[in-house]
Amino acid sequence: MVDLRLPRLRRRSLAVWERNILVWRKLAGPALVLHFGEPLIYLFGFGYGLGRFVGEIGDIPYITFLASGIVASSAMMTSSLEGTYSVFTRMVPQQTYAAILTTPIEIDDIVAGEFIWCATKALFSGTAILIVAALIGAVDDWNALLVIPVVFLCGLCFAAPAIVMATFSPTYDYFNYYFTLVVTPMLILCGVFYPTSTLPETLQSFVEFLPLTHAVALIRPIIIGDPVTDVLLHVSVLLAYTLVGYYIAVVLVRRRLFV
């Protein structure tokens, strides 16, 4: 029988987050290379290469436009990878959760801890991109640091469907469906590389329902120093995905672990 009770939020979930931090510290070197190296390639390759032909978008240098979009997309990618591959690894092959459940920590604590950890990794990635963008002159306003809580919220938002996917997948191969059919279309269509206003009207209406569109709409104006419009709408969409996804994830992890 599926347990449909509302999730319980307890401080013990931070123990799961702390456990992941301790493991991550052992692999911090390769992780930091990924966080700094990948955005550097994107910013130089697309920002300078493609930017030479694009020039400016709405009086914004293309490299700055791109940097703000990559901060949002990186939060999505990092949180999604952690919520799928890493969560599945701890849930199935390594049986880490089974070991954790022999302690006073419960399933709800595990899921909450994983959500916070996914958002933390998204924050690492987004901050790395801001640093790289600042070093190459794409971002030159200290107000850009105001995106940090938004990036954390994005990490929570995209952790939700990723963990849900991890509960359904029998093997790692099934994540190809999620990244090919969900993550990649959002990366291409949601305003990371170009304004969504250039899309056909039907597609514009469709992408308004996707969380990355709202993440970009919040992050980009903060980074470039423009006023943020429709803040309540964008935050509400990200929170809705987070809260609904969190509930579904808890219910499905309870079912998968048979506890």
C-alpha atoms as a PDB file:
ATOM      1  CA  MET A   1       0.000   0.000   0.000  1.00  0.00           C
ATOM      2  CA  VAL A   2       1.310   3.454  -0.954  1.00  0.00           C
ATOM      3  CA  ASP A   3       1.921   5.800   1.970  1.00  0.00           C
ATOM      4  CA  LEU A   4       0.300   9.118   0.974  1.00  0.00           C
ATOM      5  CA  ARG A   5       0.918  10.994   4.213  1.00  0.00           C
ATOM      6  CA  LEU A   6       2.428  14.460   3.941  1.00  0.00           C
ATOM      7  CA  PRO A   7       6.236  14.450   4.331  1.00  0.00           C
ATOM      8  CA  ARG A   8       7.705  15.259   7.726  1.00  0.00           C
ATOM      9  CA  LEU A   9      10.476  17.850   7.780  1.00  0.00           C
ATOM     10  CA  ARG A  10      12.961  17.240  10.580  1.00  0.00           C
ATOM     11  CA  ARG A  11      16.438  18.480  11.416  1.00  0.00           C
ATOM     12  CA  ARG A  12      17.704  14.923  11.027  1.00  0.00           C
ATOM     13  CA  SER A  13      17.558  15.420   7.267  1.00  0.00           C
ATOM     14  CA  LEU A  14      20.655  17.612   7.637  1.00  0.00           C
ATOM     15  CA  ALA A  15      22.580  14.500   8.683  1.00  0.00           C
ATOM     16  CA  VAL A  16      21.979  13.084   5.200  1.00  0.00           C
ATOM     17  CA  TRP A  17      23.151  16.371   3.673  1.00  0.00           C
ATOM     18  CA  GLU A  18      26.243  16.310   5.883  1.00  0.00           C
ATOM     19  CA  ARG A  19      27.000  12.739   4.874  1.00  0.00           C
ATOM     20  CA  ASN A  20      26.922  13.765   1.204  1.00  0.00           C
ATOM     21  CA  ILE A  21      29.174  16.745   1.901  1.00  0.00           C
ATOM     22  CA  LEU A  22      31.758  14.475   3.533  1.00  0.00           C
ATOM     23  CA  VAL A  23      31.721  12.121   0.556  1.00  0.00           C
ATOM     24  CA  TRP A  24      31.898  15.019  -1.907  1.00  0.00           C
ATOM     25  CA  ARG A  25      34.962  16.443  -0.166  1.00  0.00           C
ATOM     26  CA  LYS A  26      36.922  13.351  -1.205  1.00  0.00           C
ATOM     27  CA  LEU A  27      36.104  14.111  -4.847  1.00  0.00           C
ATOM     28  CA  ALA A  28      36.167  17.903  -4.607  1.00  0.00           C
ATOM     29  CA  GLY A  29      39.093  18.264  -7.020  1.00  0.00           C
ATOM     30  CA  PRO A  30      37.445  16.679 -10.088  1.00  0.00           C
ATOM     31  CA  ALA A  31      34.131  18.313  -9.140  1.00  0.00           C
ATOM     32  CA  LEU A  32      35.665  21.805  -9.074  1.00  0.00           C
ATOM     33  CA  VAL A  33      37.345  21.196 -12.433  1.00  0.00           C
ATOM     34  CA  LEU A  34      33.926  20.348 -13.846  1.00  0.00           C
ATOM     35  CA  HIS A  35      32.218  23.341 -12.203  1.00  0.00           C
ATOM     36  CA  PHE A  36      34.802  25.825 -13.471  1.00  0.00           C
ATOM     37  CA  GLY A  37      35.990  24.157 -16.672  1.00  0.00           C
ATOM     38  CA  GLU A  38      32.662  23.493 -18.347  1.00  0.00           C
ATOM     39  CA  PRO A  39      31.250  27.032 -17.988  1.00  0.00           C
ATOM     40  CA  LEU A  40      34.578  28.450 -19.137  1.00  0.00           C
ATOM     41  CA  ILE A  41      34.307  26.437 -22.361  1.00  0.00           C
ATOM     42  CA  TYR A  42      30.695  27.530 -22.880  1.00  0.00           C
ATOM     43  CA  LEU A  43      31.442  31.173 -22.215  1.00  0.00           C
ATOM     44  CA  PHE A  44      34.510  31.299 -24.430  1.00  0.00           C
ATOM     45  CA  GLY A  45      33.136  29.041 -27.169  1.00  0.00           C
ATOM     46  CA  PHE A  46      29.653  30.490 -27.461  1.00  0.00           C
ATOM     47  CA  GLY A  47      30.168  33.851 -25.794  1.00  0.00           C
ATOM     48  CA  TYR A  48      33.124  34.942 -27.891  1.00  0.00           C
ATOM     49  CA  GLY A  49      32.734  32.621 -30.889  1.00  0.00           C
ATOM     50  CA  LEU A  50      29.013  32.997 -31.517  1.00  0.00           C
ATOM     51  CA  GLY A  51      28.941  36.390 -29.823  1.00  0.00           C
ATOM     52  CA  ARG A  52      31.160  37.800 -32.566  1.00  0.00           C
ATOM     53  CA  PHE A  53      28.284  37.285 -35.015  1.00  0.00           C
ATOM     54  CA  VAL A  54      25.400  38.017 -32.667  1.00  0.00           C
ATOM     55  CA  GLY A  55      26.877  41.145 -31.104  1.00  0.00           C
ATOM     56  CA  GLU A  56      24.255  42.317 -28.639  1.00  0.00           C
ATOM     57  CA  ILE A  57      20.778  41.185 -27.652  1.00  0.00           C
ATOM     58  CA  GLY A  58      18.653  44.049 -26.443  1.00  0.00           C
ATOM     59  CA  ASP A  59      21.689  46.259 -25.749  1.00  0.00           C
ATOM     60  CA  ILE A  60      23.266  43.436 -23.713  1.00  0.00           C
ATOM     61  CA  PRO A  61      26.597  41.956 -24.859  1.00  0.00           C
ATOM     62  CA  TYR A  62      25.912  38.405 -25.921  1.00  0.00           C
ATOM     63  CA  ILE A  63      28.497  36.970 -23.537  1.00  0.00           C
ATOM     64  CA  THR A  64      26.675  38.589 -20.595  1.00  0.00           C
ATOM     65  CA  PHE A  65      23.325  37.393 -21.929  1.00  0.00           C
ATOM     66  CA  LEU A  66      24.759  33.891 -22.245  1.00  0.00           C
ATOM     67  CA  ALA A  67      26.432  33.900 -18.817  1.00  0.00           C
ATOM     68  CA  SER A  68      23.151  34.704 -17.092  1.00  0.00           C
ATOM     69  CA  GLY A  69      21.410  31.888 -18.944  1.00  0.00           C
ATOM     70  CA  ILE A  70      24.149  29.378 -18.175  1.00  0.00           C
ATOM     71  CA  VAL A  71      23.881  30.123 -14.451  1.00  0.00           C
ATOM     72  CA  ALA A  72      20.244  28.958 -14.612  1.00  0.00           C
ATOM     73  CA  SER A  73      20.841  25.993 -16.900  1.00  0.00           C
ATOM     74  CA  SER A  74      23.807  24.835 -14.832  1.00  0.00           C
ATOM     75  CA  ALA A  75      21.616  24.754 -11.729  1.00  0.00           C
ATOM     76  CA  MET A  76      19.194  22.581 -13.667  1.00  0.00           C
ATOM     77  CA  MET A  77      21.844  20.224 -15.023  1.00  0.00           C
ATOM     78  CA  THR A  78      23.757  19.826 -11.765  1.00  0.00           C
ATOM     79  CA  SER A  79      20.658  19.209  -9.675  1.00  0.00           C
ATOM     80  CA  SER A  80      19.216  16.840 -12.287  1.00  0.00           C
ATOM     81  CA  LEU A  81      22.398  14.767 -12.494  1.00  0.00           C
ATOM     82  CA  GLU A  82      22.641  14.521  -8.719  1.00  0.00           C
ATOM     83  CA  GLY A  83      18.958  13.708  -8.325  1.00  0.00           C
ATOM     84  CA  THR A  84      19.052  10.926 -10.903  1.00  0.00           C
ATOM     85  CA  TYR A  85      22.406   9.159 -11.101  1.00  0.00           C
ATOM     86  CA  SER A  86      23.665   9.817  -7.579  1.00  0.00           C
ATOM     87  CA  VAL A  87      20.352   9.221  -5.824  1.00  0.00           C
ATOM     88  CA  PHE A  88      19.793   6.017  -7.803  1.00  0.00           C
ATOM     89  CA  THR A  89      23.304   4.845  -6.918  1.00  0.00           C
ATOM     90  CA  ARG A  90      22.702   5.382  -3.222  1.00  0.00           C
ATOM     91  CA  MET A  91      19.239   3.870  -3.426  1.00  0.00           C
ATOM     92  CA  VAL A  92      19.946   0.695  -5.413  1.00  0.00           C
ATOM     93  CA  PRO A  93      23.529  -0.452  -6.160  1.00  0.00           C
ATOM     94  CA  GLN A  94      25.188   0.860  -2.996  1.00  0.00           C
ATOM     95  CA  GLN A  95      22.172   0.295  -0.711  1.00  0.00           C
ATOM     96  CA  THR A  96      23.224   3.414   1.201  1.00  0.00           C
ATOM     97  CA  TYR A  97      19.651   4.257   2.145  1.00  0.00           C
ATOM     98  CA  ALA A  98      19.076   0.783   3.535  1.00  0.00           C
ATOM     99  CA  ALA A  99      22.056   1.320   5.838  1.00  0.00           C
ATOM    100  CA  ILE A 100      20.881   4.792   6.830  1.00  0.00           C
ATOM    101  CA  LEU A 101      17.444   3.440   7.728  1.00  0.00           C
ATOM    102  CA  THR A 102      18.978   1.271  10.436  1.00  0.00           C
ATOM    103  CA  THR A 103      19.559   4.554  12.308  1.00  0.00           C
ATOM    104  CA  PRO A 104      16.848   6.886  13.670  1.00  0.00           C
ATOM    105  CA  ILE A 105      16.749   8.598  10.265  1.00  0.00           C
ATOM    106  CA  GLU A 106      13.569   7.931   8.264  1.00  0.00           C
ATOM    107  CA  ILE A 107      12.739   7.947   4.553  1.00  0.00           C
ATOM    108  CA  ASP A 108      11.309  11.458   4.739  1.00  0.00           C
ATOM    109  CA  ASP A 109      14.604  12.647   6.230  1.00  0.00           C
ATOM    110  CA  ILE A 110      16.565  11.004   3.417  1.00  0.00           C
ATOM    111  CA  VAL A 111      14.512  12.657   0.688  1.00  0.00           C
ATOM    112  CA  ALA A 112      14.672  16.078   2.358  1.00  0.00           C
ATOM    113  CA  GLY A 113      18.417  15.724   2.809  1.00  0.00           C
ATOM    114  CA  GLU A 114      18.865  14.780  -0.834  1.00  0.00           C
ATOM    115  CA  PHE A 115      16.791  17.768  -1.951  1.00  0.00           C
ATOM    116  CA  ILE A 116      18.973  20.115   0.069  1.00  0.00           C
ATOM    117  CA  TRP A 117      22.117  18.433  -1.247  1.00  0.00           C
ATOM    118  CA  CYS A 118      20.974  18.727  -4.887  1.00  0.00           C
ATOM    119  CA  ALA A 119      20.316  22.435  -4.334  1.00  0.00           C
ATOM    120  CA  THR A 120      23.706  22.822  -2.648  1.00  0.00           C
ATOM    121  CA  LYS A 121      25.496  21.295  -5.624  1.00  0.00           C
ATOM    122  CA  ALA A 122      23.508  23.557  -7.941  1.00  0.00           C
ATOM    123  CA  LEU A 123      24.698  26.475  -5.826  1.00  0.00           C
ATOM    124  CA  PHE A 124      28.323  25.342  -6.179  1.00  0.00           C
ATOM    125  CA  SER A 125      27.918  25.223  -9.947  1.00  0.00           C
ATOM    126  CA  GLY A 126      26.089  28.538 -10.272  1.00  0.00           C
ATOM    127  CA  THR A 127      28.619  30.321  -8.074  1.00  0.00           C
ATOM    128  CA  ALA A 128      31.489  28.892 -10.121  1.00  0.00           C
ATOM    129  CA  ILE A 129      29.934  30.267 -13.294  1.00  0.00           C
ATOM    130  CA  LEU A 130      29.488  33.702 -11.718  1.00  0.00           C
ATOM    131  CA  ILE A 131      33.163  33.698 -10.724  1.00  0.00           C
ATOM    132  CA  VAL A 132      34.280  32.678 -14.218  1.00  0.00           C
ATOM    133  CA  ALA A 133      31.987  35.259 -15.826  1.00  0.00           C
ATOM    134  CA  ALA A 134      33.335  37.960 -13.523  1.00  0.00           C
ATOM    135  CA  LEU A 135      36.953  37.020 -14.292  1.00  0.00           C
ATOM    136  CA  ILE A 136      36.410  37.415 -18.038  1.00  0.00           C
ATOM    137  CA  GLY A 137      34.421  40.621 -17.637  1.00  0.00           C
ATOM    138  CA  ALA A 138      31.000  39.257 -18.572  1.00  0.00           C
ATOM    139  CA  VAL A 139      29.631  40.211 -15.136  1.00  0.00           C
ATOM    140  CA  ASP A 140      30.833  43.377 -13.417  1.00  0.00           C
ATOM    141  CA  ASP A 141      28.150  44.222 -10.848  1.00  0.00           C
ATOM    142  CA  TRP A 142      28.233  42.989  -7.252  1.00  0.00           C
ATOM    143  CA  ASN A 143      24.426  42.872  -7.351  1.00  0.00           C
ATOM    144  CA  ALA A 144      24.848  39.666  -9.353  1.00  0.00           C
ATOM    145  CA  LEU A 145      25.421  37.913  -6.005  1.00  0.00           C
ATOM    146  CA  LEU A 146      21.700  38.371  -5.356  1.00  0.00           C
ATOM    147  CA  VAL A 147      21.069  35.412  -7.674  1.00  0.00           C
ATOM    148  CA  ILE A 148      22.496  33.000  -5.087  1.00  0.00           C
ATOM    149  CA  PRO A 149      19.169  32.304  -3.297  1.00  0.00           C
ATOM    150  CA  VAL A 150      17.451  32.023  -6.684  1.00  0.00           C
ATOM    151  CA  VAL A 151      20.000  29.436  -7.820  1.00  0.00           C
ATOM    152  CA  PHE A 152      19.384  27.469  -4.617  1.00  0.00           C
ATOM    153  CA  LEU A 153      15.628  27.545  -5.295  1.00  0.00           C
ATOM    154  CA  CYS A 154      16.294  26.342  -8.843  1.00  0.00           C
ATOM    155  CA  GLY A 155      18.313  23.464  -7.449  1.00  0.00           C
ATOM    156  CA  LEU A 156      15.386  22.448  -5.237  1.00  0.00           C
ATOM    157  CA  CYS A 157      12.984  22.771  -8.152  1.00  0.00           C
ATOM    158  CA  PHE A 158      14.928  20.537 -10.525  1.00  0.00           C
ATOM    159  CA  ALA A 159      15.783  18.025  -7.807  1.00  0.00           C
ATOM    160  CA  ALA A 160      12.093  17.131  -7.624  1.00  0.00           C
ATOM    161  CA  PRO A 161      11.523  15.549 -11.074  1.00  0.00           C
ATOM    162  CA  ALA A 162      15.036  14.062 -11.023  1.00  0.00           C
ATOM    163  CA  ILE A 163      14.444  12.150  -7.792  1.00  0.00           C
ATOM    164  CA  VAL A 164      11.002  11.098  -9.028  1.00  0.00           C
ATOM    165  CA  MET A 165      12.714   9.691 -12.128  1.00  0.00           C
ATOM    166  CA  ALA A 166      15.224   7.851  -9.941  1.00  0.00           C
ATOM    167  CA  THR A 167      12.389   6.051  -8.131  1.00  0.00           C
ATOM    168  CA  PHE A 168      10.977   4.724 -11.423  1.00  0.00           C
ATOM    169  CA  SER A 169      14.191   3.713 -13.169  1.00  0.00           C
ATOM    170  CA  PRO A 170      15.270   0.058 -12.998  1.00  0.00           C
ATOM    171  CA  THR A 171      18.708   0.929 -14.464  1.00  0.00           C
ATOM    172  CA  TYR A 172      20.840   3.950 -15.275  1.00  0.00           C
ATOM    173  CA  ASP A 173      19.924   3.672 -18.957  1.00  0.00           C
ATOM    174  CA  TYR A 174      16.394   4.903 -18.271  1.00  0.00           C
ATOM    175  CA  PHE A 175      17.741   8.332 -17.377  1.00  0.00           C
ATOM    176  CA  ASN A 176      18.376   8.852 -21.096  1.00  0.00           C
ATOM    177  CA  TYR A 177      14.623   9.324 -21.493  1.00  0.00           C
ATOM    178  CA  TYR A 178      14.555  12.082 -18.903  1.00  0.00           C
ATOM    179  CA  PHE A 179      17.585  13.978 -20.161  1.00  0.00           C
ATOM    180  CA  THR A 180      16.679  13.607 -23.845  1.00  0.00           C
ATOM    181  CA  LEU A 181      12.963  14.338 -23.574  1.00  0.00           C
ATOM    182  CA  VAL A 182      12.870  16.789 -20.653  1.00  0.00           C
ATOM    183  CA  VAL A 183      16.200  18.373 -19.728  1.00  0.00           C
ATOM    184  CA  THR A 184      17.646  18.971 -23.203  1.00  0.00           C
ATOM    185  CA  PRO A 185      14.460  20.568 -24.634  1.00  0.00           C
ATOM    186  CA  MET A 186      14.399  22.957 -21.672  1.00  0.00           C
ATOM    187  CA  LEU A 187      18.068  23.796 -22.211  1.00  0.00           C
ATOM    188  CA  ILE A 188      17.433  24.626 -25.877  1.00  0.00           C
ATOM    189  CA  LEU A 189      14.010  26.292 -25.669  1.00  0.00           C
ATOM    190  CA  CYS A 190      13.843  28.189 -22.382  1.00  0.00           C
ATOM    191  CA  GLY A 191      15.893  31.281 -23.147  1.00  0.00           C
ATOM    192  CA  VAL A 192      19.405  30.220 -22.185  1.00  0.00           C
ATOM    193  CA  PHE A 193      20.963  30.928 -25.591  1.00  0.00           C
ATOM    194  CA  TYR A 194      18.420  33.322 -27.110  1.00  0.00           C
ATOM    195  CA  PRO A 195      15.237  35.168 -26.050  1.00  0.00           C
ATOM    196  CA  THR A 196      12.126  33.007 -25.984  1.00  0.00           C
ATOM    197  CA  SER A 197      10.345  35.813 -27.850  1.00  0.00           C
ATOM    198  CA  THR A 198      12.044  34.603 -31.043  1.00  0.00           C
ATOM    199  CA  LEU A 199      10.177  31.293 -30.870  1.00  0.00           C
ATOM    200  CA  PRO A 200       6.861  30.690 -32.671  1.00  0.00           C
ATOM    201  CA  GLU A 201       3.884  31.763 -30.562  1.00  0.00           C
ATOM    202  CA  THR A 202       2.796  28.173 -29.898  1.00  0.00           C
ATOM    203  CA  LEU A 203       6.225  27.294 -28.531  1.00  0.00           C
ATOM    204  CA  GLN A 204       6.334  30.493 -26.497  1.00  0.00           C
ATOM    205  CA  SER A 205       3.105  29.463 -24.776  1.00  0.00           C
ATOM    206  CA  PHE A 206       4.494  25.992 -24.148  1.00  0.00           C
ATOM    207  CA  VAL A 207       7.795  27.080 -22.596  1.00  0.00           C
ATOM    208  CA  GLU A 208       5.952  29.351 -20.167  1.00  0.00           C
ATOM    209  CA  PHE A 209       4.961  26.180 -18.316  1.00  0.00           C
ATOM    210  CA  LEU A 210       8.574  24.991 -18.002  1.00  0.00           C
ATOM    211  CA  PRO A 211      10.510  25.873 -14.842  1.00  0.00           C
ATOM    212  CA  LEU A 212      13.762  26.792 -16.574  1.00  0.00           C
ATOM    213  CA  THR A 213      11.985  29.636 -18.392  1.00  0.00           C
ATOM    214  CA  HIS A 214      11.065  31.185 -15.055  1.00  0.00           C
ATOM    215  CA  ALA A 215      14.519  30.526 -13.600  1.00  0.00           C
ATOM    216  CA  VAL A 216      16.141  32.396 -16.501  1.00  0.00           C
ATOM    217  CA  ALA A 217      13.563  35.197 -16.216  1.00  0.00           C
ATOM    218  CA  LEU A 218      14.587  35.712 -12.586  1.00  0.00           C
ATOM    219  CA  ILE A 219      18.340  35.262 -12.888  1.00  0.00           C
ATOM    220  CA  ARG A 220      19.097  37.184 -16.093  1.00  0.00           C
ATOM    221  CA  PRO A 221      17.827  40.641 -15.065  1.00  0.00           C
ATOM    222  CA  ILE A 222      19.540  40.369 -11.670  1.00  0.00           C
ATOM    223  CA  ILE A 223      22.887  39.624 -13.309  1.00  0.00           C
ATOM    224  CA  ILE A 224      22.632  42.326 -15.981  1.00  0.00           C
ATOM    225  CA  GLY A 225      21.221  44.886 -13.552  1.00  0.00           C
ATOM    226  CA  ASP A 226      17.719  45.275 -14.985  1.00  0.00           C
ATOM    227  CA  PRO A 227      14.494  45.363 -12.933  1.00  0.00           C
ATOM    228  CA  VAL A 228      12.961  41.926 -12.406  1.00  0.00           C
ATOM    229  CA  THR A 229       9.372  41.760 -13.622  1.00  0.00           C
ATOM    230  CA  ASP A 230       6.672  39.277 -12.550  1.00  0.00           C
ATOM    231  CA  VAL A 231       8.749  38.132  -9.595  1.00  0.00           C
ATOM    232  CA  LEU A 232       5.764  36.580  -7.824  1.00  0.00           C
ATOM    233  CA  LEU A 233       4.817  34.566 -10.906  1.00  0.00           C
ATOM    234  CA  HIS A 234       8.321  33.198 -11.479  1.00  0.00           C
ATOM    235  CA  VAL A 235       8.929  32.350  -7.824  1.00  0.00           C
ATOM    236  CA  SER A 236       5.471  30.763  -7.532  1.00  0.00           C
ATOM    237  CA  VAL A 237       6.121  28.473 -10.500  1.00  0.00           C
ATOM    238  CA  LEU A 238       9.474  27.343  -9.112  1.00  0.00           C
ATOM    239  CA  LEU A 239       7.962  26.794  -5.651  1.00  0.00           C
ATOM    240  CA  ALA A 240       5.028  24.867  -7.118  1.00  0.00           C
ATOM    241  CA  TYR A 241       7.360  22.498  -8.967  1.00  0.00           C
ATOM    242  CA  THR A 242       9.440  22.129  -5.813  1.00  0.00           C
ATOM    243  CA  LEU A 243       6.619  21.423  -3.358  1.00  0.00           C
ATOM    244  CA  VAL A 244       4.537  19.164  -5.596  1.00  0.00           C
ATOM    245  CA  GLY A 245       7.620  17.320  -6.797  1.00  0.00           C
ATOM    246  CA  TYR A 246       8.903  16.933  -3.251  1.00  0.00           C
ATOM    247  CA  TYR A 247       5.658  15.337  -2.107  1.00  0.00           C
ATOM    248  CA  ILE A 248       5.583  12.945  -5.073  1.00  0.00           C
ATOM    249  CA  ALA A 249       9.248  12.070  -4.549  1.00  0.00           C
ATOM    250  CA  VAL A 250       8.699  11.220  -0.878  1.00  0.00           C
ATOM    251  CA  VAL A 251       5.690   9.019  -1.701  1.00  0.00           C
ATOM    252  CA  LEU A 252       7.561   7.164  -4.445  1.00  0.00           C
ATOM    253  CA  VAL A 253      10.754   6.691  -2.428  1.00  0.00           C
ATOM    254  CA  ARG A 254       8.638   5.241   0.396  1.00  0.00           C
ATOM    255  CA  ARG A 255       7.146   2.782  -2.086  1.00  0.00           C
ATOM    256  CA  ARG A 256      10.511   1.903  -3.636  1.00  0.00           C
ATOM    257  CA  LEU A 257      12.158   1.195  -0.304  1.00  0.00           C
ATOM    258  CA  PHE A 258       9.159  -0.771   0.980  1.00  0.00           C
ATOM    259  CA  VAL A 259       9.230   0.868   4.390  1.00  0.00           C
END
